[in-house]
């Protein structure tokens, strides 16, 4: 079983860390942002927010985008690895890249890249249809324990963060993964339709994706997956409800392999300046993101531990060998 002390987000608390002493660009660079996903998703949104702030703060002279979608990032990953030694290039990705590489048995992994910074994270929310008799996390837990297979939960693709959070919840309650009833959807729209229409008993996704439907009254938010409540959001955490399940859908940036150390430090300093800017803090607040910045060395250590944790969760779900 998954130890509650080694949950995916055990170390996902924002770090204060000393500022980097590395080299900085002598003049604003021309940057290229590589996103291994289609436009409009979470990774693309993070990259677009970074672009906006880098332009506003004039930290970059120009920015170009390249989106290479497919298989949870594992289609674009080999292309990025092939850009070995390329300067002024950053890939924006996150947790799902690691899980996708494991479930797709990809020969390429993020461990082959150059970690630059972890930037932000989004909490997940557990919701039920507005007409559901389940009104609190305690109600959900009682129903979940009584009939795990009957408690169908909608979310994104199998092995994604939504699925992993359900696995973590089940583990915390002593419910075997074989008893979980997870209904995977390829996009947020179909999952929303299934939840609102009562085709499933509950749903899990990023708070930002379900928040409009909670605000409209079509869904009821039961609990959040963070370590603390979101500002101005009257929804308790799972830990508040006695369920020790924590997860942040984090995102970060990598450089290609084989870049000089001095250039890695330049990129890292650029990202540190980004996350410490008032413009970035504004974007995080407006988008409901948690600031989870980590500099390169800390991010690299986190990635190593995170990969092991994700493998454990996926193994429990029967999605990893």
Protein backbone atom coordinates (compact mmCIF):
# COMPACT_ATOMS: atom_id res chain seq x y z
CA UNK A 1 0.00 0.00 0.00
CA UNK A 2 1.06 3.59 -0.55
CA UNK A 3 2.49 5.12 2.63
CA UNK A 4 0.71 8.31 3.60
CA UNK A 5 4.14 9.75 4.39
CA UNK A 6 5.21 9.33 0.79
CA UNK A 7 2.24 10.77 -1.06
CA UNK A 8 2.99 12.57 -4.31
CA UNK A 9 2.69 16.01 -2.78
CA UNK A 10 4.50 15.39 0.49
CA UNK A 11 7.17 17.92 -0.38
CA UNK A 12 5.04 20.24 -2.52
CA UNK A 13 5.05 23.14 -0.09
CA UNK A 14 6.40 26.44 -1.45
CA UNK A 15 10.05 26.90 -0.56
CA UNK A 16 11.58 30.12 0.64
CA UNK A 17 15.10 29.19 -0.61
CA UNK A 18 17.92 31.65 -0.98
CA UNK A 19 18.08 33.55 -4.24
CA UNK A 20 20.30 32.14 -6.93
CA UNK A 21 23.78 33.53 -7.24
CA UNK A 22 24.21 32.28 -10.79
CA UNK A 23 24.98 34.26 -13.91
CA UNK A 24 22.31 36.38 -15.56
CA UNK A 25 21.78 37.28 -19.19
CA UNK A 26 23.63 40.45 -20.14
CA UNK A 27 20.61 41.51 -22.22
CA UNK A 28 17.06 40.16 -22.61
CA UNK A 29 17.29 36.91 -24.61
CA UNK A 30 15.26 35.61 -27.52
CA UNK A 31 13.44 32.63 -25.99
CA UNK A 32 11.64 29.65 -27.42
CA UNK A 33 9.03 27.86 -25.29
CA UNK A 34 8.37 24.22 -26.14
CA UNK A 35 5.06 22.75 -24.95
CA UNK A 36 4.56 18.96 -25.43
CA UNK A 37 0.78 19.38 -25.48
CA UNK A 38 -1.94 21.03 -27.55
CA UNK A 39 -2.79 24.72 -27.13
CA UNK A 40 -5.32 25.47 -24.43
CA UNK A 41 -4.30 22.92 -21.80
CA UNK A 42 -2.61 23.39 -18.44
CA UNK A 43 0.98 23.24 -19.71
CA UNK A 44 0.19 25.63 -22.54
CA UNK A 45 -1.59 27.97 -20.12
CA UNK A 46 1.45 28.02 -17.86
CA UNK A 47 3.71 28.78 -20.81
CA UNK A 48 1.40 31.57 -22.03
CA UNK A 49 1.33 33.12 -18.56
CA UNK A 50 5.14 33.00 -18.43
CA UNK A 51 5.27 34.60 -21.88
CA UNK A 52 2.94 37.38 -20.75
CA UNK A 53 5.01 38.18 -17.67
CA UNK A 54 8.36 37.96 -19.50
CA UNK A 55 7.02 40.46 -22.03
CA UNK A 56 5.56 42.77 -19.38
CA UNK A 57 8.78 42.81 -17.39
CA UNK A 58 10.86 43.03 -20.58
CA UNK A 59 12.93 40.09 -19.39
CA UNK A 60 12.88 38.58 -22.89
CA UNK A 61 13.28 40.41 -26.18
CA UNK A 62 11.14 37.93 -28.12
CA UNK A 63 9.35 34.63 -27.51
CA UNK A 64 8.33 31.85 -29.85
CA UNK A 65 6.12 28.82 -29.17
CA UNK A 66 6.13 25.27 -30.39
CA UNK A 67 3.34 22.87 -29.40
CA UNK A 68 3.86 19.13 -30.00
CA UNK A 69 0.84 17.27 -28.54
CA UNK A 70 0.30 13.57 -28.00
CA UNK A 71 0.38 10.76 -25.44
CA UNK A 72 0.61 12.91 -22.34
CA UNK A 73 3.74 14.65 -23.59
CA UNK A 74 5.66 11.55 -24.64
CA UNK A 75 5.34 12.42 -28.35
CA UNK A 76 7.08 15.77 -27.87
CA UNK A 77 9.60 14.56 -25.29
CA UNK A 78 11.93 12.76 -27.75
CA UNK A 79 11.93 15.82 -30.00
CA UNK A 80 12.99 18.03 -27.09
CA UNK A 81 15.72 15.59 -26.02
CA UNK A 82 16.95 15.71 -29.61
CA UNK A 83 17.54 19.45 -29.23
CA UNK A 84 20.59 18.66 -27.12
CA UNK A 85 22.75 21.68 -26.35
CA UNK A 86 20.24 24.17 -27.82
CA UNK A 87 20.36 27.53 -26.02
CA UNK A 88 17.51 29.83 -24.98
CA UNK A 89 15.03 26.95 -25.09
CA UNK A 90 12.69 25.87 -22.30
CA UNK A 91 10.12 23.08 -22.13
CA UNK A 92 7.03 23.66 -19.97
CA UNK A 93 5.56 20.44 -18.61
CA UNK A 94 4.65 18.79 -15.33
CA UNK A 95 3.61 15.80 -13.28
CA UNK A 96 1.63 14.09 -16.03
CA UNK A 97 4.74 13.92 -18.20
CA UNK A 98 6.34 11.61 -15.64
CA UNK A 99 3.28 9.39 -15.27
CA UNK A 100 2.74 9.25 -19.06
CA UNK A 101 6.33 8.16 -19.64
CA UNK A 102 5.80 5.33 -17.15
CA UNK A 103 2.40 4.16 -18.41
CA UNK A 104 3.44 4.45 -22.07
CA UNK A 105 6.73 2.65 -21.34
CA UNK A 106 8.60 5.48 -23.03
CA UNK A 107 12.36 4.93 -23.53
CA UNK A 108 12.76 8.69 -23.01
CA UNK A 109 12.20 10.27 -19.57
CA UNK A 110 12.46 13.72 -18.01
CA UNK A 111 15.53 12.46 -16.12
CA UNK A 112 17.39 12.98 -19.41
CA UNK A 113 16.62 16.71 -19.40
CA UNK A 114 18.13 19.66 -17.51
CA UNK A 115 15.85 20.74 -14.61
CA UNK A 116 15.55 24.53 -14.39
CA UNK A 117 12.66 25.31 -12.01
CA UNK A 118 9.38 24.09 -10.60
CA UNK A 119 6.91 26.94 -10.97
CA UNK A 120 3.34 26.35 -9.84
CA UNK A 121 0.76 23.77 -8.90
CA UNK A 122 -2.99 23.40 -9.06
CA UNK A 123 -5.06 21.69 -6.43
CA UNK A 124 -7.68 19.16 -7.41
CA UNK A 125 -11.26 19.17 -6.22
CA UNK A 126 -13.65 16.33 -5.49
CA UNK A 127 -17.16 17.20 -6.69
CA UNK A 128 -20.58 15.58 -6.86
CA UNK A 129 -23.66 16.46 -8.93
CA UNK A 130 -25.76 19.22 -7.42
CA UNK A 131 -28.63 16.79 -6.75
CA UNK A 132 -26.43 14.24 -4.98
CA UNK A 133 -27.33 13.30 -1.39
CA UNK A 134 -23.59 13.49 -0.64
CA UNK A 135 -22.99 16.88 0.92
CA UNK A 136 -19.72 16.52 2.81
CA UNK A 137 -16.45 14.62 2.60
CA UNK A 138 -17.66 12.46 5.50
CA UNK A 139 -20.70 11.50 3.41
CA UNK A 140 -18.46 10.61 0.49
CA UNK A 141 -16.07 8.55 2.62
CA UNK A 142 -18.95 6.62 4.18
CA UNK A 143 -20.42 5.82 0.75
CA UNK A 144 -16.98 5.05 -0.68
CA UNK A 145 -16.18 2.59 2.10
CA UNK A 146 -19.60 0.94 1.93
CA UNK A 147 -19.51 0.34 -1.83
CA UNK A 148 -16.22 1.35 -3.54
CA UNK A 149 -17.17 -0.10 -6.92
CA UNK A 150 -20.52 1.63 -6.81
CA UNK A 151 -18.88 5.01 -6.17
CA UNK A 152 -17.99 5.81 -9.78
CA UNK A 153 -15.65 8.81 -10.14
CA UNK A 154 -15.08 10.66 -13.42
CA UNK A 155 -11.79 12.25 -14.39
CA UNK A 156 -9.18 12.61 -17.10
CA UNK A 157 -7.16 9.91 -18.79
CA UNK A 158 -6.24 6.70 -16.98
CA UNK A 159 -3.03 7.18 -15.02
CA UNK A 160 -3.38 10.97 -14.96
CA UNK A 161 -3.45 13.14 -11.86
CA UNK A 162 -7.21 12.73 -11.34
CA UNK A 163 -6.85 8.95 -11.37
CA UNK A 164 -3.80 9.08 -9.12
CA UNK A 165 -5.63 11.21 -6.56
CA UNK A 166 -8.43 8.64 -6.38
CA UNK A 167 -5.77 5.97 -5.86
CA UNK A 168 -4.23 7.99 -3.04
CA UNK A 169 -7.66 8.46 -1.45
CA UNK A 170 -8.38 4.75 -1.69
CA UNK A 171 -5.00 3.89 -0.19
CA UNK A 172 -5.55 6.28 2.72
CA UNK A 173 -8.87 4.54 3.43
CA UNK A 174 -7.51 1.02 2.98
CA UNK A 175 -9.51 0.39 -0.19
CA UNK A 176 -7.66 -1.79 -2.77
CA UNK A 177 -7.13 -0.27 -6.20
CA UNK A 178 -9.01 -3.20 -7.71
CA UNK A 179 -12.14 -1.94 -5.96
CA UNK A 180 -11.98 1.58 -7.40
CA UNK A 181 -14.46 2.61 -10.09
CA UNK A 182 -12.67 5.25 -12.14
CA UNK A 183 -14.31 6.48 -15.36
CA UNK A 184 -11.68 8.04 -17.63
CA UNK A 185 -12.54 10.73 -20.17
CA UNK A 186 -10.30 12.18 -22.87
CA UNK A 187 -11.35 15.75 -22.12
CA UNK A 188 -12.90 17.95 -19.46
CA UNK A 189 -16.12 18.55 -21.41
CA UNK A 190 -17.34 14.93 -21.47
CA UNK A 191 -16.40 14.47 -17.81
CA UNK A 192 -18.38 17.58 -16.84
CA UNK A 193 -21.39 16.32 -18.80
CA UNK A 194 -21.23 12.93 -17.04
CA UNK A 195 -21.02 14.53 -13.60
CA UNK A 196 -23.75 17.12 -14.08
CA UNK A 197 -25.99 14.52 -15.71
CA UNK A 198 -25.59 12.11 -12.79
CA UNK A 199 -24.00 9.41 -14.93
CA UNK A 200 -21.29 9.10 -12.27
CA UNK A 201 -21.41 9.62 -8.52
CA UNK A 202 -18.50 12.07 -8.32
CA UNK A 203 -15.66 13.69 -10.26
CA UNK A 204 -12.08 14.86 -9.80
CA UNK A 205 -10.21 17.56 -11.71
CA UNK A 206 -8.20 20.73 -11.27
CA UNK A 207 -10.10 23.33 -9.25
CA UNK A 208 -9.88 25.82 -12.14
CA UNK A 209 -11.68 23.41 -14.48
CA UNK A 210 -14.61 22.65 -12.18
CA UNK A 211 -14.86 26.03 -10.42
CA UNK A 212 -17.26 27.61 -12.97
CA UNK A 213 -19.65 24.68 -12.59
CA UNK A 214 -19.43 24.87 -8.81
CA UNK A 215 -20.12 28.62 -8.98
CA UNK A 216 -23.14 28.03 -11.23
CA UNK A 217 -24.58 25.52 -8.77
CA UNK A 218 -24.42 22.54 -11.14
CA UNK A 219 -21.75 20.81 -9.03
CA UNK A 220 -21.08 20.65 -5.31
CA UNK A 221 -17.44 20.89 -4.24
CA UNK A 222 -16.68 18.43 -1.43
CA UNK A 223 -12.96 18.81 -0.74
CA UNK A 224 -9.67 20.12 -2.14
CA UNK A 225 -6.42 18.17 -2.43
CA UNK A 226 -4.07 20.88 -1.12
CA UNK A 227 -2.42 21.26 2.25
CA UNK A 228 -4.49 24.38 2.94
CA UNK A 229 -7.61 26.07 1.65
CA UNK A 230 -7.57 28.32 -1.38
CA UNK A 231 -7.98 32.05 -0.63
CA UNK A 232 -11.63 33.15 -0.71
CA UNK A 233 -12.81 29.60 -1.49
CA UNK A 234 -15.13 28.05 1.10
CA UNK A 235 -14.17 24.43 0.38
CA UNK A 236 -12.26 22.39 3.00
CA UNK A 237 -9.19 20.30 2.32
CA UNK A 238 -9.31 16.52 2.46
CA UNK A 239 -7.02 16.63 5.47
CA UNK A 240 -9.52 18.84 7.27
CA UNK A 241 -12.08 16.10 6.70
CA UNK A 242 -9.77 13.44 8.13
CA UNK A 243 -8.64 12.00 4.78
CA UNK A 244 -4.85 12.21 4.45
CA UNK A 245 -4.71 12.71 0.68
CA UNK A 246 -2.67 15.56 -0.81
CA UNK A 247 -1.78 16.24 -4.43
CA UNK A 248 -0.75 19.24 -6.49
CA UNK A 249 -0.73 19.06 -10.28
CA UNK A 250 2.61 20.87 -10.50
CA UNK A 251 4.33 22.36 -13.53
CA UNK A 252 7.90 23.33 -14.21
CA UNK A 253 10.47 24.11 -16.87
CA UNK A 254 13.40 22.14 -18.28
CA UNK A 255 16.22 22.92 -20.69
CA UNK A 256 17.55 20.39 -23.20
CA UNK A 257 20.35 18.05 -22.14
CA UNK A 258 23.94 19.04 -22.75
CA UNK A 259 23.74 22.79 -22.19
CA UNK A 260 26.70 24.52 -20.46
CA UNK A 261 26.36 25.04 -16.71
CA UNK A 262 26.64 28.81 -17.13
CA UNK A 263 23.66 28.81 -19.47
CA UNK A 264 21.61 26.68 -17.07
CA UNK A 265 22.33 29.28 -14.39
CA UNK A 266 21.21 32.06 -16.73
CA UNK A 267 17.92 30.30 -17.42
CA UNK A 268 17.45 29.51 -13.74
CA UNK A 269 18.03 33.14 -12.77
CA UNK A 270 15.53 34.23 -15.42
CA UNK A 271 12.90 31.88 -13.93
CA UNK A 272 13.67 33.01 -10.40
CA UNK A 273 13.15 36.63 -11.42
CA UNK A 274 9.92 35.58 -13.11
CA UNK A 275 8.39 33.89 -10.05
CA UNK A 276 9.43 36.70 -7.72
CA UNK A 277 7.83 39.40 -9.87
CA UNK A 278 4.56 41.03 -8.86
CA UNK A 279 3.27 40.34 -12.36
CA UNK A 280 3.70 36.59 -11.88
CA UNK A 281 2.11 36.66 -8.45
CA UNK A 282 -0.86 38.43 -10.01
CA UNK A 283 -1.17 35.74 -12.68
CA UNK A 284 -1.04 32.98 -10.06
CA UNK A 285 -3.75 34.65 -8.00
CA UNK A 286 -6.00 35.25 -11.01
CA UNK A 287 -5.62 31.66 -12.22
CA UNK A 288 -5.91 29.99 -8.81
CA UNK A 289 -2.37 28.60 -8.95
CA UNK A 290 -0.26 27.80 -5.91
CA UNK A 291 3.28 29.17 -6.03
CA UNK A 292 5.53 26.11 -5.69
CA UNK A 293 8.86 27.47 -6.91
CA UNK A 294 11.96 25.31 -6.65
CA UNK A 295 15.42 26.24 -8.03
CA UNK A 296 17.39 23.70 -10.13
CA UNK A 297 19.14 21.57 -7.49
CA UNK A 298 16.03 21.31 -5.31
CA UNK A 299 13.86 20.62 -8.35
CA UNK A 300 16.21 17.84 -9.51
CA UNK A 301 16.08 16.14 -6.10
CA UNK A 302 12.31 16.52 -6.02
CA UNK A 303 11.96 14.95 -9.48
CA UNK A 304 13.92 11.88 -8.43
CA UNK A 305 11.74 11.33 -5.37
CA UNK A 306 8.56 12.21 -7.28
CA UNK A 307 9.24 9.65 -9.99
CA UNK A 308 9.52 6.92 -7.37
CA UNK A 309 6.28 8.04 -5.72
CA UNK A 310 4.41 8.14 -9.03
CA UNK A 311 5.66 4.67 -9.95
CA UNK A 312 4.32 3.40 -6.64
CA UNK A 313 0.88 4.92 -7.19
CA UNK A 314 0.66 3.65 -10.77
CA UNK A 315 1.76 0.20 -9.69
CA UNK A 316 -1.06 0.15 -7.16
CA UNK A 317 -3.47 1.12 -9.95
CA UNK A 318 -2.13 -1.67 -12.16
CA UNK A 319 -0.71 0.80 -14.70
CA UNK A 320 3.00 0.19 -14.14
CA UNK A 321 5.08 -2.95 -14.15
